[in-house]
C-alpha atoms as a PDB file:
ATOM      1  CA  MET A   1     -30.498 -16.926 -22.264  1.00  0.00           C
ATOM      2  CA  LYS A   2     -30.683 -15.461 -18.587  1.00  0.00           C
ATOM      3  CA  ILE A   3     -28.818 -18.267 -17.371  1.00  0.00           C
ATOM      4  CA  LYS A   4     -25.928 -17.527 -19.678  1.00  0.00           C
ATOM      5  CA  LYS A   5     -25.792 -13.740 -18.751  1.00  0.00           C
ATOM      6  CA  MET A   6     -25.576 -14.494 -15.197  1.00  0.00           C
ATOM      7  CA  LEU A   7     -22.792 -16.948 -15.514  1.00  0.00           C
ATOM      8  CA  LEU A   8     -21.072 -14.325 -17.726  1.00  0.00           C
ATOM      9  CA  LEU A   9     -21.594 -11.940 -15.096  1.00  0.00           C
ATOM     10  CA  ILE A  10     -20.203 -14.233 -12.460  1.00  0.00           C
ATOM     11  CA  LEU A  11     -17.174 -15.469 -14.151  1.00  0.00           C
ATOM     12  CA  PHE A  12     -16.102 -12.111 -15.814  1.00  0.00           C
ATOM     13  CA  VAL A  13     -17.437  -9.038 -13.851  1.00  0.00           C
ATOM     14  CA  ILE A  14     -17.611 -10.036 -10.151  1.00  0.00           C
ATOM     15  CA  PRO A  15     -13.576 -11.087 -10.133  1.00  0.00           C
ATOM     16  CA  ALA A  16     -12.987  -7.662 -11.526  1.00  0.00           C
ATOM     17  CA  LEU A  17     -14.597  -5.922  -8.994  1.00  0.00           C
ATOM     18  CA  THR A  18     -12.813  -7.880  -6.189  1.00  0.00           C
ATOM     19  CA  PHE A  19      -9.386  -6.693  -7.450  1.00  0.00           C
ATOM     20  CA  ALA A  20      -7.688  -4.210  -5.618  1.00  0.00           C
ATOM     21  CA  GLY A  21      -5.334  -1.543  -6.825  1.00  0.00           C
ATOM     22  CA  ASP A  22      -1.930  -0.443  -6.450  1.00  0.00           C
ATOM     23  CA  ILE A  23      -0.655   1.264  -3.011  1.00  0.00           C
ATOM     24  CA  PHE A  24       2.220   3.715  -4.365  1.00  0.00           C
ATOM     25  CA  GLY A  25       4.007   6.702  -2.892  1.00  0.00           C
ATOM     26  CA  THR A  26       7.170   8.507  -1.750  1.00  0.00           C
ATOM     27  CA  ILE A  27       8.890   8.680   1.652  1.00  0.00           C
ATOM     28  CA  THR A  28      11.243  11.321   2.674  1.00  0.00           C
ATOM     29  CA  LYS A  29      13.503  11.780   5.604  1.00  0.00           C
ATOM     30  CA  ASN A  30      15.192  15.002   6.471  1.00  0.00           C
ATOM     31  CA  GLY A  31      14.147  16.537   3.078  1.00  0.00           C
ATOM     32  CA  ARG A  32      15.512  13.943   1.166  1.00  0.00           C
ATOM     33  CA  PRO A  33      14.348  10.722  -0.568  1.00  0.00           C
ATOM     34  CA  PHE A  34      14.278   7.637   1.769  1.00  0.00           C
ATOM     35  CA  ALA A  35      16.073   5.682  -0.764  1.00  0.00           C
ATOM     36  CA  LYS A  36      16.988   1.941  -1.029  1.00  0.00           C
ATOM     37  CA  GLN A  37      14.669   1.243   2.033  1.00  0.00           C
ATOM     38  CA  LEU A  38      12.464  -1.740   2.774  1.00  0.00           C
ATOM     39  CA  VAL A  39       8.553  -0.883   2.749  1.00  0.00           C
ATOM     40  CA  LYS A  40       6.203  -3.470   3.873  1.00  0.00           C
ATOM     41  CA  ILE A  41       2.444  -3.801   3.848  1.00  0.00           C
ATOM     42  CA  THR A  42       0.923  -5.817   6.749  1.00  0.00           C
ATOM     43  CA  THR A  43      -2.327  -7.111   8.038  1.00  0.00           C
ATOM     44  CA  ASN A  44      -3.380  -5.668  11.272  1.00  0.00           C
ATOM     45  CA  ASP A  45      -2.057  -8.994  13.071  1.00  0.00           C
ATOM     46  CA  GLY A  46       1.396  -8.233  11.400  1.00  0.00           C
ATOM     47  CA  THR A  47       1.073 -10.872   8.453  1.00  0.00           C
ATOM     48  CA  VAL A  48       3.202  -9.469   5.584  1.00  0.00           C
ATOM     49  CA  ILE A  49       1.018  -9.068   2.483  1.00  0.00           C
ATOM     50  CA  LYS A  50       3.828  -7.298   0.279  1.00  0.00           C
ATOM     51  CA  SER A  51       6.987  -5.798   0.376  1.00  0.00           C
ATOM     52  CA  ASP A  52       9.110  -3.496  -1.817  1.00  0.00           C
ATOM     53  CA  SER A  53      12.302  -1.197  -1.542  1.00  0.00           C
ATOM     54  CA  THR A  54      12.189   2.505  -2.393  1.00  0.00           C
ATOM     55  CA  ASP A  55      14.226   3.484  -5.376  1.00  0.00           C
ATOM     56  CA  ALA A  56      16.635   6.296  -5.530  1.00  0.00           C
ATOM     57  CA  PHE A  57      13.615   8.983  -5.268  1.00  0.00           C
ATOM     58  CA  GLY A  58      11.819   7.291  -2.139  1.00  0.00           C
ATOM     59  CA  TYR A  59       9.286   5.919  -4.263  1.00  0.00           C
ATOM     60  CA  PHE A  60       7.786   2.590  -3.848  1.00  0.00           C
ATOM     61  CA  THR A  61       4.789   0.510  -5.467  1.00  0.00           C
ATOM     62  CA  MET A  62       2.765  -2.356  -4.486  1.00  0.00           C
ATOM     63  CA  ASN A  63       0.054  -4.224  -6.038  1.00  0.00           C
ATOM     64  CA  ILE A  64      -2.423  -5.398  -3.289  1.00  0.00           C
ATOM     65  CA  LYS A  65      -5.076  -7.935  -4.066  1.00  0.00           C
ATOM     66  CA  GLN A  66      -6.962  -7.538  -1.198  1.00  0.00           C
ATOM     67  CA  LEU A  67      -9.156  -4.635   0.066  1.00  0.00           C
ATOM     68  CA  GLY A  68      -9.290  -2.854   3.544  1.00  0.00           C
ATOM     69  CA  GLN A  69      -7.212  -1.120   5.944  1.00  0.00           C
ATOM     70  CA  PHE A  70      -3.400  -2.199   6.309  1.00  0.00           C
ATOM     71  CA  LYS A  71      -0.424  -1.059   7.763  1.00  0.00           C
ATOM     72  CA  LEU A  72       2.725   0.306   5.764  1.00  0.00           C
ATOM     73  CA  SER A  73       5.969   0.195   7.898  1.00  0.00           C
ATOM     74  CA  ALA A  74       8.979   1.902   6.784  1.00  0.00           C
ATOM     75  CA  GLY A  75      12.269   2.819   8.971  1.00  0.00           C
ATOM     76  CA  GLY A  76      10.961   1.553  12.079  1.00  0.00           C
ATOM     77  CA  ALA A  77       7.714   3.713  11.643  1.00  0.00           C
ATOM     78  CA  VAL A  78       4.089   2.452  10.834  1.00  0.00           C
ATOM     79  CA  ALA A  79       1.358   4.103   8.987  1.00  0.00           C
ATOM     80  CA  ASP A  80      -2.352   3.230   7.975  1.00  0.00           C
ATOM     81  CA  VAL A  81      -2.984   2.762   4.336  1.00  0.00           C
ATOM     82  CA  THR A  82      -5.958   1.504   2.550  1.00  0.00           C
ATOM     83  CA  SER A  83      -6.350  -0.603  -0.628  1.00  0.00           C
ATOM     84  CA  ASN A  84      -9.395  -0.002  -2.705  1.00  0.00           C
ATOM     85  CA  ASN A  85     -10.494  -0.789  -6.305  1.00  0.00           C
ATOM     86  CA  SER A  86      -8.240   1.684  -7.533  1.00  0.00           C
ATOM     87  CA  PRO A  87      -4.738   2.915  -7.240  1.00  0.00           C
ATOM     88  CA  THR A  88      -3.941   4.929  -4.013  1.00  0.00           C
ATOM     89  CA  GLY A  89      -1.038   7.264  -3.537  1.00  0.00           C
ATOM     90  CA  TYR A  90       0.677   8.464  -0.437  1.00  0.00           C
ATOM     91  CA  THR A  91       3.179  10.847   0.661  1.00  0.00           C
ATOM     92  CA  PHE A  92       5.099  10.289   3.774  1.00  0.00           C
ATOM     93  CA  ILE A  93       7.648  11.937   5.885  1.00  0.00           C
ATOM     94  CA  LEU A  94       9.698  10.104   8.071  1.00  0.00           C
ATOM     95  CA  VAL A  95      10.467  11.840  11.518  1.00  0.00           C
ATOM     96  CA  GLN A  96      11.911  11.088  14.586  1.00  0.00           C
ATOM     97  CA  ASN A  97       9.746  12.232  17.782  1.00  0.00           C
ATOM     98  CA  ASN A  98      11.343  11.804  21.267  1.00  0.00           C
ATOM     99  CA  SER A  99      13.365   8.733  19.879  1.00  0.00           C
ATOM    100  CA  LYS A 100      10.535   7.156  18.315  1.00  0.00           C
ATOM    101  CA  TRP A 101      10.099   7.098  14.342  1.00  0.00           C
ATOM    102  CA  GLN A 102       6.834   8.318  12.853  1.00  0.00           C
ATOM    103  CA  LEU A 103       5.610   8.344   9.261  1.00  0.00           C
ATOM    104  CA  ILE A 104       3.478  11.302   8.802  1.00  0.00           C
ATOM    105  CA  LYS A 105       1.001  11.767   5.686  1.00  0.00           C
ATOM    106  CA  LYS A 106       1.782  14.675   3.768  1.00  0.00           C
END
């Protein structure tokens, strides 16, 4: 009986714990939605995990199946994001600083 319970635990519970959540949010530029723009989530070595386009309101959402720290890039700028076991939301402002674009977390 204990073996059956352990097998059920391994088969059903552990995979559910390793599933990460959504990374979602909005991006604005000059006080307006950063609409219809490509957003990418990459590993620290630059491997693209997911990509999406913002909608008319600057909103994006991506389901990340890996846990950890990643890079979000949009409009030539990069910001750190985290994927964990629950949905994680961000609000970014895209600003230009000395001819370089930055994503600032709000």
